[in-house]
C-alpha atoms as a PDB file:
ATOM      1  CA  MET A   1    -108.415 249.129 219.561  1.00  0.00           C
ATOM      2  CA  SER A   2    -105.790 252.187 220.146  1.00  0.00           C
ATOM      3  CA  GLY A   3    -103.690 249.616 221.638  1.00  0.00           C
ATOM      4  CA  LYS A   4    -106.629 249.176 223.834  1.00  0.00           C
ATOM      5  CA  GLN A   5    -107.630 245.390 224.709  1.00  0.00           C
ATOM      6  CA  THR A   6    -109.055 243.358 222.367  1.00  0.00           C
ATOM      7  CA  ALA A   7    -112.930 241.954 222.964  1.00  0.00           C
ATOM      8  CA  ALA A   8    -112.189 240.078 219.674  1.00  0.00           C
ATOM      9  CA  ALA A   9    -110.388 236.432 220.911  1.00  0.00           C
ATOM     10  CA  PRO A  10    -113.098 235.091 223.567  1.00  0.00           C
ATOM     11  CA  ASN A  11    -111.761 233.687 227.111  1.00  0.00           C
ATOM     12  CA  LEU A  12    -113.166 232.849 230.745  1.00  0.00           C
ATOM     13  CA  LYS A  13    -111.723 235.857 231.565  1.00  0.00           C
ATOM     14  CA  THR A  14    -114.594 238.130 229.613  1.00  0.00           C
ATOM     15  CA  HIS A  15    -117.740 238.745 230.051  1.00  0.00           C
ATOM     16  CA  TYR A  16    -120.044 240.445 227.488  1.00  0.00           C
ATOM     17  CA  PHE A  17    -122.873 242.816 227.796  1.00  0.00           C
ATOM     18  CA  SER A  18    -125.351 245.302 226.221  1.00  0.00           C
ATOM     19  CA  TYR A  19    -125.259 248.763 228.082  1.00  0.00           C
ATOM     20  CA  TYR A  20    -128.171 250.557 227.555  1.00  0.00           C
ATOM     21  CA  ASN A  21    -127.353 250.781 223.376  1.00  0.00           C
ATOM     22  CA  LYS A  22    -123.647 250.274 223.364  1.00  0.00           C
ATOM     23  CA  THR A  23    -121.554 247.253 224.153  1.00  0.00           C
ATOM     24  CA  PHE A  24    -119.379 246.940 226.982  1.00  0.00           C
ATOM     25  CA  PHE A  25    -117.471 243.862 228.069  1.00  0.00           C
ATOM     26  CA  ILE A  26    -114.497 243.610 231.261  1.00  0.00           C
ATOM     27  CA  ASP A  27    -111.733 241.818 231.162  1.00  0.00           C
ATOM     28  CA  ILE A  28    -108.488 241.034 233.430  1.00  0.00           C
ATOM     29  CA  ASP A  29    -105.148 243.024 232.492  1.00  0.00           C
ATOM     30  CA  HIS A  30    -101.673 241.287 232.591  1.00  0.00           C
ATOM     31  CA  GLU A  31    -101.415 242.677 236.111  1.00  0.00           C
ATOM     32  CA  HIS A  32    -105.361 240.500 237.378  1.00  0.00           C
ATOM     33  CA  ARG A  33    -107.276 243.639 237.315  1.00  0.00           C
ATOM     34  CA  GLU A  34    -110.592 243.766 235.631  1.00  0.00           C
ATOM     35  CA  LYS A  35    -110.554 246.264 232.667  1.00  0.00           C
ATOM     36  CA  GLY A  36    -114.398 247.566 231.574  1.00  0.00           C
ATOM     37  CA  TYR A  37    -114.268 248.817 227.829  1.00  0.00           C
ATOM     38  CA  LEU A  38    -117.661 251.116 226.661  1.00  0.00           C
ATOM     39  CA  LEU A  39    -117.916 251.107 223.046  1.00  0.00           C
ATOM     40  CA  ASN A  40    -117.504 254.572 221.689  1.00  0.00           C
ATOM     41  CA  LEU A  41    -119.787 255.526 219.000  1.00  0.00           C
ATOM     42  CA  HIS A  42    -118.872 258.541 217.962  1.00  0.00           C
ATOM     43  CA  ASP A  43    -115.147 256.661 216.698  1.00  0.00           C
ATOM     44  CA  GLY A  44    -115.964 252.756 217.263  1.00  0.00           C
ATOM     45  CA  ASP A  45    -113.718 251.857 219.408  1.00  0.00           C
ATOM     46  CA  PHE A  46    -114.088 251.409 223.147  1.00  0.00           C
ATOM     47  CA  ASP A  47    -112.896 253.163 225.659  1.00  0.00           C
ATOM     48  CA  GLU A  48    -112.117 252.099 228.914  1.00  0.00           C
ATOM     49  CA  ARG A  49    -114.756 252.247 231.539  1.00  0.00           C
ATOM     50  CA  SER A  50    -113.384 250.623 234.299  1.00  0.00           C
ATOM     51  CA  ASP A  51    -115.904 253.090 235.894  1.00  0.00           C
ATOM     52  CA  LEU A  52    -119.171 251.016 234.971  1.00  0.00           C
ATOM     53  CA  ILE A  53    -117.846 247.333 236.635  1.00  0.00           C
ATOM     54  CA  ALA A  54    -119.638 247.675 239.127  1.00  0.00           C
ATOM     55  CA  GLU A  55    -123.176 249.280 238.146  1.00  0.00           C
ATOM     56  CA  VAL A  56    -122.959 246.590 234.533  1.00  0.00           C
ATOM     57  CA  VAL A  57    -122.062 243.602 237.530  1.00  0.00           C
ATOM     58  CA  PHE A  58    -125.071 244.437 239.865  1.00  0.00           C
ATOM     59  CA  ALA A  59    -126.913 245.441 236.863  1.00  0.00           C
ATOM     60  CA  THR A  60    -130.815 245.972 238.621  1.00  0.00           C
ATOM     61  CA  THR A  61    -132.110 247.657 235.304  1.00  0.00           C
ATOM     62  CA  GLU A  62    -133.427 245.642 231.037  1.00  0.00           C
ATOM     63  CA  ASP A  63    -130.989 247.966 229.482  1.00  0.00           C
ATOM     64  CA  ILE A  64    -127.830 245.914 230.694  1.00  0.00           C
ATOM     65  CA  HIS A  65    -127.434 241.945 230.468  1.00  0.00           C
ATOM     66  CA  PRO A  66    -125.141 239.301 229.825  1.00  0.00           C
ATOM     67  CA  ARG A  67    -124.700 238.667 226.206  1.00  0.00           C
ATOM     68  CA  SER A  68    -121.936 235.810 224.431  1.00  0.00           C
ATOM     69  CA  HIS A  69    -119.409 236.764 223.074  1.00  0.00           C
ATOM     70  CA  GLU A  70    -121.251 235.708 219.330  1.00  0.00           C
ATOM     71  CA  ALA A  71    -123.935 238.236 220.161  1.00  0.00           C
ATOM     72  CA  PHE A  72    -121.614 240.966 221.751  1.00  0.00           C
ATOM     73  CA  ILE A  73    -120.114 241.514 218.355  1.00  0.00           C
ATOM     74  CA  VAL A  74    -123.116 240.927 216.364  1.00  0.00           C
ATOM     75  CA  ASN A  75    -124.164 243.994 219.040  1.00  0.00           C
ATOM     76  CA  THR A  76    -121.483 245.503 218.057  1.00  0.00           C
ATOM     77  CA  GLU A  77    -121.729 245.477 214.570  1.00  0.00           C
ATOM     78  CA  GLU A  78    -125.187 246.689 214.220  1.00  0.00           C
ATOM     79  CA  CYS A  79    -123.932 249.640 216.616  1.00  0.00           C
ATOM     80  CA  ARG A  80    -120.597 250.906 214.441  1.00  0.00           C
ATOM     81  CA  ALA A  81    -123.511 250.248 211.210  1.00  0.00           C
ATOM     82  CA  ASP A  82    -125.947 252.749 212.707  1.00  0.00           C
ATOM     83  CA  HIS A  83    -123.767 255.421 213.966  1.00  0.00           C
ATOM     84  CA  LEU A  84    -120.648 254.805 211.106  1.00  0.00           C
ATOM     85  CA  ARG A  85    -120.485 255.907 207.855  1.00  0.00           C
ATOM     86  CA  GLY A  86    -117.134 255.454 205.514  1.00  0.00           C
ATOM     87  CA  ASP A  87    -115.524 254.718 202.948  1.00  0.00           C
ATOM     88  CA  GLY A  88    -114.095 251.233 202.401  1.00  0.00           C
ATOM     89  CA  PRO A  89    -114.043 247.439 202.429  1.00  0.00           C
ATOM     90  CA  ILE A  90    -116.030 247.658 205.882  1.00  0.00           C
ATOM     91  CA  PHE A  91    -118.424 249.401 204.756  1.00  0.00           C
ATOM     92  CA  ALA A  92    -119.003 248.373 201.280  1.00  0.00           C
ATOM     93  CA  LEU A  93    -120.243 245.156 203.721  1.00  0.00           C
ATOM     94  CA  TYR A  94    -121.977 246.883 206.561  1.00  0.00           C
ATOM     95  CA  GLU A  95    -123.969 248.460 203.374  1.00  0.00           C
ATOM     96  CA  THR A  96    -124.049 244.466 201.608  1.00  0.00           C
ATOM     97  CA  ILE A  97    -125.690 243.458 205.322  1.00  0.00           C
ATOM     98  CA  GLU A  98    -127.841 246.289 205.116  1.00  0.00           C
ATOM     99  CA  GLY A  99    -129.352 245.155 201.051  1.00  0.00           C
ATOM    100  CA  LEU A 100    -130.119 241.948 202.101  1.00  0.00           C
ATOM    101  CA  TYR A 101    -132.378 243.829 205.069  1.00  0.00           C
ATOM    102  CA  GLU A 102    -134.103 246.163 203.096  1.00  0.00           C
ATOM    103  CA  GLN A 103    -134.501 243.163 199.488  1.00  0.00           C
ATOM    104  CA  ARG A 104    -135.864 240.805 202.704  1.00  0.00           C
ATOM    105  CA  LYS A 105    -138.299 244.089 204.623  1.00  0.00           C
ATOM    106  CA  ALA A 106    -139.663 244.705 200.615  1.00  0.00           C
ATOM    107  CA  GLU A 107    -140.011 240.871 200.099  1.00  0.00           C
ATOM    108  CA  ASN A 108    -141.688 240.524 203.086  1.00  0.00           C
ATOM    109  CA  ARG A 109    -140.037 237.182 204.130  1.00  0.00           C
ATOM    110  CA  ARG A 110    -137.939 235.522 205.811  1.00  0.00           C
ATOM    111  CA  PHE A 111    -134.540 235.382 205.327  1.00  0.00           C
ATOM    112  CA  PRO A 112    -133.306 231.975 203.090  1.00  0.00           C
ATOM    113  CA  GLU A 113    -130.737 230.491 205.126  1.00  0.00           C
ATOM    114  CA  GLN A 114    -127.943 231.000 203.025  1.00  0.00           C
ATOM    115  CA  GLU A 115    -128.538 235.186 203.212  1.00  0.00           C
ATOM    116  CA  ARG A 116    -128.052 234.848 207.483  1.00  0.00           C
ATOM    117  CA  ALA A 117    -124.830 232.706 206.887  1.00  0.00           C
ATOM    118  CA  LEU A 118    -123.516 235.279 204.606  1.00  0.00           C
ATOM    119  CA  ILE A 119    -125.046 237.483 207.707  1.00  0.00           C
ATOM    120  CA  ASN A 120    -123.285 236.023 210.425  1.00  0.00           C
ATOM    121  CA  THR A 121    -120.084 235.655 208.090  1.00  0.00           C
ATOM    122  CA  LEU A 122    -120.057 238.786 207.830  1.00  0.00           C
ATOM    123  CA  ARG A 123    -120.668 240.706 210.909  1.00  0.00           C
ATOM    124  CA  PRO A 124    -117.349 238.591 212.795  1.00  0.00           C
ATOM    125  CA  ARG A 125    -115.030 240.114 209.839  1.00  0.00           C
ATOM    126  CA  THR A 126    -116.012 243.535 210.545  1.00  0.00           C
ATOM    127  CA  PHE A 127    -115.516 242.572 214.227  1.00  0.00           C
ATOM    128  CA  HIS A 128    -112.256 241.707 213.399  1.00  0.00           C
ATOM    129  CA  MET A 129    -111.436 244.341 210.653  1.00  0.00           C
ATOM    130  CA  TRP A 130    -111.752 246.716 213.176  1.00  0.00           C
ATOM    131  CA  ASP A 131    -109.820 245.600 215.441  1.00  0.00           C
ATOM    132  CA  GLU A 132    -107.515 245.366 212.998  1.00  0.00           C
ATOM    133  CA  GLU A 133    -107.665 248.587 211.588  1.00  0.00           C
ATOM    134  CA  PHE A 134    -107.389 249.908 215.428  1.00  0.00           C
ATOM    135  CA  GLU A 135    -103.820 247.760 216.147  1.00  0.00           C
ATOM    136  CA  ARG A 136    -102.533 249.887 213.115  1.00  0.00           C
ATOM    137  CA  ARG A 137    -103.275 252.980 214.492  1.00  0.00           C
ATOM    138  CA  ALA A 138    -102.343 252.540 217.462  1.00  0.00           C
ATOM    139  CA  ALA A 139     -98.767 251.182 216.351  1.00  0.00           C
ATOM    140  CA  GLY A 140     -98.404 254.878 214.273  1.00  0.00           C
ATOM    141  CA  ASP A 141     -99.588 253.324 211.119  1.00  0.00           C
ATOM    142  CA  ASP A 142    -101.822 255.526 208.249  1.00  0.00           C
ATOM    143  CA  ALA A 143    -105.840 255.453 209.023  1.00  0.00           C
ATOM    144  CA  THR A 144    -106.567 252.569 205.935  1.00  0.00           C
ATOM    145  CA  PHE A 145    -110.180 254.456 205.536  1.00  0.00           C
ATOM    146  CA  GLN A 146    -112.070 257.350 207.164  1.00  0.00           C
ATOM    147  CA  TYR A 147    -115.179 257.643 208.501  1.00  0.00           C
ATOM    148  CA  ARG A 148    -117.190 259.826 210.765  1.00  0.00           C
ATOM    149  CA  TRP A 149    -119.963 259.112 213.126  1.00  0.00           C
ATOM    150  CA  VAL A 150    -123.858 260.228 211.944  1.00  0.00           C
ATOM    151  CA  LEU A 151    -127.319 260.007 213.911  1.00  0.00           C
ATOM    152  CA  PRO A 152    -128.459 256.801 213.309  1.00  0.00           C
END
């Protein structure tokens, strides 16, 4: 996440939210200040948006609500898969997930436990792969893959 706070490792100080059609998290920095981070759908990273903390915490709309860490990861990866296209292993895993959904829809059936388990394994994996990529880029390393923003 470009040297920013990561949402990958849950802790008691981090709070996760759905914020309209994006994800948002609040964490405490090393100086004990609250920092807010909003998913940027154009690059898949989280931008610091501490100006949104009060709106999120005191939300009175159903478009903003708390999420578990697991649900936060799922929502984040669904957003990234909907808005970003590219090459590399992350996008291959997105295609695998999409293929499972398309097959289920075509066959008008529920997910078998094995397919559900696969999806539940792949989303956290892609989430962590993004974190690793953003950390590499923040350290000055070259990108390991290219991607672009698209309308869903």
